[in-house]
Protein backbone atom coordinates (compact mmCIF):
# COMPACT_ATOMS: atom_id res chain seq x y z
CA MET A 1 182.71 134.39 153.77
CA VAL A 2 182.80 131.00 154.70
CA ALA A 3 186.05 131.13 155.89
CA ARG A 4 185.02 133.64 158.59
CA GLY A 5 182.08 132.16 159.56
CA ASN A 6 184.21 128.56 160.06
CA ALA A 7 186.25 131.00 162.32
CA LEU A 8 183.25 132.26 164.26
CA VAL A 9 181.99 128.41 164.71
CA VAL A 10 185.58 127.41 165.68
CA ALA A 11 185.91 130.41 168.52
CA LEU A 12 182.61 129.77 169.75
CA LEU A 13 183.24 126.14 170.14
CA ILE A 14 186.74 126.46 171.63
CA SER A 15 185.03 128.82 174.62
CA GLY A 16 182.26 126.44 174.94
CA THR A 17 179.37 128.58 174.03
CA VAL A 18 177.38 127.26 171.16
CA ALA A 19 174.78 129.34 169.61
CA GLY A 20 171.40 128.07 171.43
CA GLY A 21 173.14 125.97 174.05
CA PRO A 22 174.22 126.31 177.51
CA PRO A 23 176.87 128.32 178.95
CA SER A 24 180.39 126.63 179.63
CA PRO A 25 180.56 125.43 183.29
CA ALA A 26 183.19 127.81 183.76
CA ALA A 27 181.41 130.56 182.05
CA ALA A 28 178.23 129.57 183.94
CA THR A 29 180.03 129.01 187.53
CA ARG A 30 181.56 132.64 187.36
CA ALA A 31 178.48 134.40 186.74
CA PHE A 32 177.19 132.51 189.57
CA GLY A 33 179.67 133.80 191.47
CA HIS A 34 179.25 137.20 190.46
CA TRP A 35 175.76 136.90 190.84
CA LEU A 36 175.84 135.42 194.54
CA GLN A 37 178.34 138.67 195.24
CA LYS A 38 175.44 140.84 194.17
CA ARG A 39 172.86 138.95 196.20
CA TYR A 40 174.43 138.53 199.55
CA VAL A 41 176.60 140.33 201.58
CA ALA A 42 180.02 138.57 201.19
CA PRO A 43 178.85 135.19 200.98
CA LYS A 44 181.94 132.72 201.80
CA GLY A 45 181.12 129.29 200.60
CA TYR A 46 181.13 126.96 197.60
CA TRP A 47 179.18 127.45 193.98
CA THR A 48 179.33 125.50 191.16
CA CYS A 49 177.75 124.91 187.54
CA PRO A 50 179.28 121.45 186.75
CA ALA A 51 179.34 120.27 183.19
CA ASP A 52 177.20 116.96 183.98
CA GLN A 53 174.30 119.37 185.03
CA ARG A 54 174.12 121.33 181.44
CA PHE A 55 170.84 120.17 179.85
CA ASP A 56 169.69 121.51 176.19
CA ASN A 57 170.04 125.34 176.77
CA ARG A 58 170.60 125.76 180.27
CA ALA A 59 173.41 125.21 183.17
CA ASP A 60 171.93 124.31 186.56
CA CYS A 61 173.82 125.53 189.39
CA THR A 62 174.20 124.79 192.84
CA ALA A 63 175.71 126.64 196.07
CA GLU A 64 176.10 126.78 199.48
CA VAL A 65 177.09 129.90 201.23
CA ARG A 66 177.23 131.58 204.62
CA VAL A 67 176.17 135.27 205.15
CA GLY A 68 177.09 136.09 208.64
CA GLN A 69 175.55 133.52 210.64
CA LYS A 70 173.05 132.31 208.19
CA HIS A 71 173.23 129.48 205.93
CA HIS A 72 171.81 129.38 202.30
CA PHE A 73 171.55 126.62 199.97
CA VAL A 74 170.78 128.03 196.34
CA GLU A 75 169.82 126.41 193.08
CA ALA A 76 169.33 128.39 190.51
CA THR A 77 169.31 128.07 186.38
CA GLY A 78 171.61 129.90 183.94
CA ARG A 79 171.00 130.74 180.25
CA LEU A 80 172.91 132.84 177.83
CA SER A 81 171.12 135.86 176.84
CA ARG A 82 172.57 138.33 174.70
CA GLY A 83 176.20 136.77 175.41
CA ARG A 84 175.72 137.04 179.23
CA VAL A 85 174.24 134.28 181.48
CA VAL A 86 171.20 134.99 183.23
CA PHE A 87 169.53 133.11 186.29
CA SER A 88 166.14 132.10 186.78
CA ARG A 89 164.16 129.42 188.67
CA VAL A 90 166.12 130.37 191.98
CA HIS A 91 165.40 128.32 195.01
CA ASP A 92 167.27 129.46 198.08
CA GLU A 93 166.96 127.58 201.38
CA ALA A 94 168.35 129.94 204.36
CA TRP A 95 168.61 128.77 207.99
CA VAL A 96 170.75 129.17 210.86
CA ARG A 97 172.84 126.05 211.84
CA ARG A 98 171.41 124.46 215.17
CA TRP A 99 170.81 120.78 215.83
CA SER A 100 166.75 119.78 216.08
CA ARG A 101 165.51 117.50 218.73
CA TYR A 102 165.45 114.00 217.67
CA SER A 103 162.24 112.81 216.26
CA HIS A 104 160.61 110.89 213.18
CA ARG A 105 159.76 114.45 211.32
CA PRO A 106 163.62 114.89 209.45
CA ILE A 107 163.30 111.29 208.19
CA ALA A 108 159.46 110.74 207.69
CA GLY A 109 158.43 109.87 204.09
CA PHE A 110 159.98 106.44 203.69
CA ASP A 111 158.71 104.53 206.69
CA THR A 112 162.26 104.66 207.76
CA PRO A 113 162.51 103.61 211.44
CA GLY A 114 164.09 105.52 214.23
CA LYS A 115 164.87 108.98 215.23
CA ALA A 116 166.94 111.59 213.92
CA SER A 117 168.55 114.82 214.51
CA VAL A 118 169.68 117.26 211.89
CA ASN A 119 171.46 120.66 211.88
CA SER A 120 169.99 122.02 208.32
CA PRO A 121 166.72 121.80 206.94
CA ALA A 122 168.21 122.06 203.42
CA PHE A 123 168.84 118.11 202.86
CA ASP A 124 166.55 115.38 202.05
CA TRP A 125 167.08 113.72 205.20
CA ALA A 126 164.41 110.98 204.63
CA PHE A 127 166.22 109.96 201.64
CA LEU A 128 169.65 109.96 203.14
CA ALA A 129 168.08 107.74 205.85
CA GLN A 130 166.61 105.23 203.58
CA GLY A 131 170.50 104.87 202.28
CA LEU A 132 171.40 103.84 205.72
CA GLN A 133 168.73 101.01 205.52
CA ARG A 134 171.51 98.94 203.58
CA PRO A 135 172.92 96.27 206.18
CA ALA A 136 175.66 97.99 208.02
CA GLU A 137 176.89 95.58 210.54
CA SER A 138 180.46 95.62 209.43
CA ARG A 139 180.44 99.00 208.41
CA THR A 140 181.88 101.64 210.51
CA SER A 141 182.36 104.16 207.82
CA PHE A 142 180.85 104.55 204.50
CA ARG A 143 179.36 106.93 202.30
CA VAL A 144 175.80 107.76 201.11
CA ASN A 145 174.74 110.19 198.61
CA SER A 146 171.21 112.06 199.69
CA HIS A 147 170.17 113.33 196.11
CA ASP A 148 166.98 111.73 194.65
CA GLY A 149 168.30 112.43 191.15
CA TYR A 150 170.92 112.97 188.93
CA SER A 151 173.63 114.77 190.99
CA ALA A 152 177.35 114.23 189.09
CA GLY A 153 179.07 117.12 189.62
CA LEU A 154 177.58 117.93 193.06
CA GLY A 155 179.05 115.68 195.13
CA LYS A 156 180.24 118.03 197.64
CA PHE A 157 176.59 118.99 198.53
CA PHE A 158 175.03 115.47 198.34
CA ILE A 159 177.89 112.92 199.17
CA PHE A 160 177.30 111.95 203.32
CA ARG A 161 180.29 110.51 205.15
CA CYS A 162 178.70 108.57 207.62
CA VAL A 163 180.33 106.93 211.08
CA VAL A 164 178.59 104.09 213.29
CA ARG A 165 179.16 104.50 217.11
CA GLY A 166 177.05 102.00 218.98
CA ASP A 167 173.38 102.70 217.78
CA LEU A 168 174.49 106.51 216.58
CA VAL A 169 175.04 106.73 212.75
CA THR A 170 176.25 110.64 212.30
CA CYS A 171 176.77 111.71 208.46
CA ARG A 172 178.11 114.93 207.24
CA ASN A 173 178.90 116.62 203.82
CA ALA A 174 181.51 118.95 203.03
CA PHE A 175 180.27 121.93 204.32
CA GLY A 176 179.70 120.83 207.87
CA ASP A 177 175.59 119.89 207.17
CA ALA A 178 174.55 116.86 209.24
CA MET A 179 172.49 114.08 210.52
CA ARG A 180 172.67 112.46 213.81
CA TYR A 181 170.24 108.83 213.24
CA LYS A 182 169.23 106.43 215.73
CA PRO A 183 167.88 103.37 213.53
CA ARG A 184 166.23 102.13 216.72
CA ALA A 185 165.40 104.41 218.76
């Protein structure tokens, strides 16, 4: 009986699933992909439930997918229930990509000077603009994390590559979400 119990524990540990713990990153990501396929018609994009986003008994998952012309930024929490990964606390920000007018609205909140134009409502553009306030005189290209929190494993979504051309800073993530920022406008 003890040997059989130890074998079960080893099997559960090898699979990355521990009773009462979160699903493994691979299992959660695979289940999240299946869930997205059921929720949307033929979504194209990227989804993940990285190891660094596992807490207590949950795996936090993030996706950016496109269905036709509509983009979706989806966050969900995966938990094990009867051997299956189930998702709750779903947040879906949906939009059709187009540039906004230059205004202070996308970067309001941190007393950030200037104006910005963005092509997505799904990101904390004010936090990104705040990250651009560090001295940039000698920088012509750099990276900024736009996530106000623990973002390990989510770099594709929240790390923006920025380029400076004159008085314009353009920042873009791996999926084409972007901000054009005029700090002195």
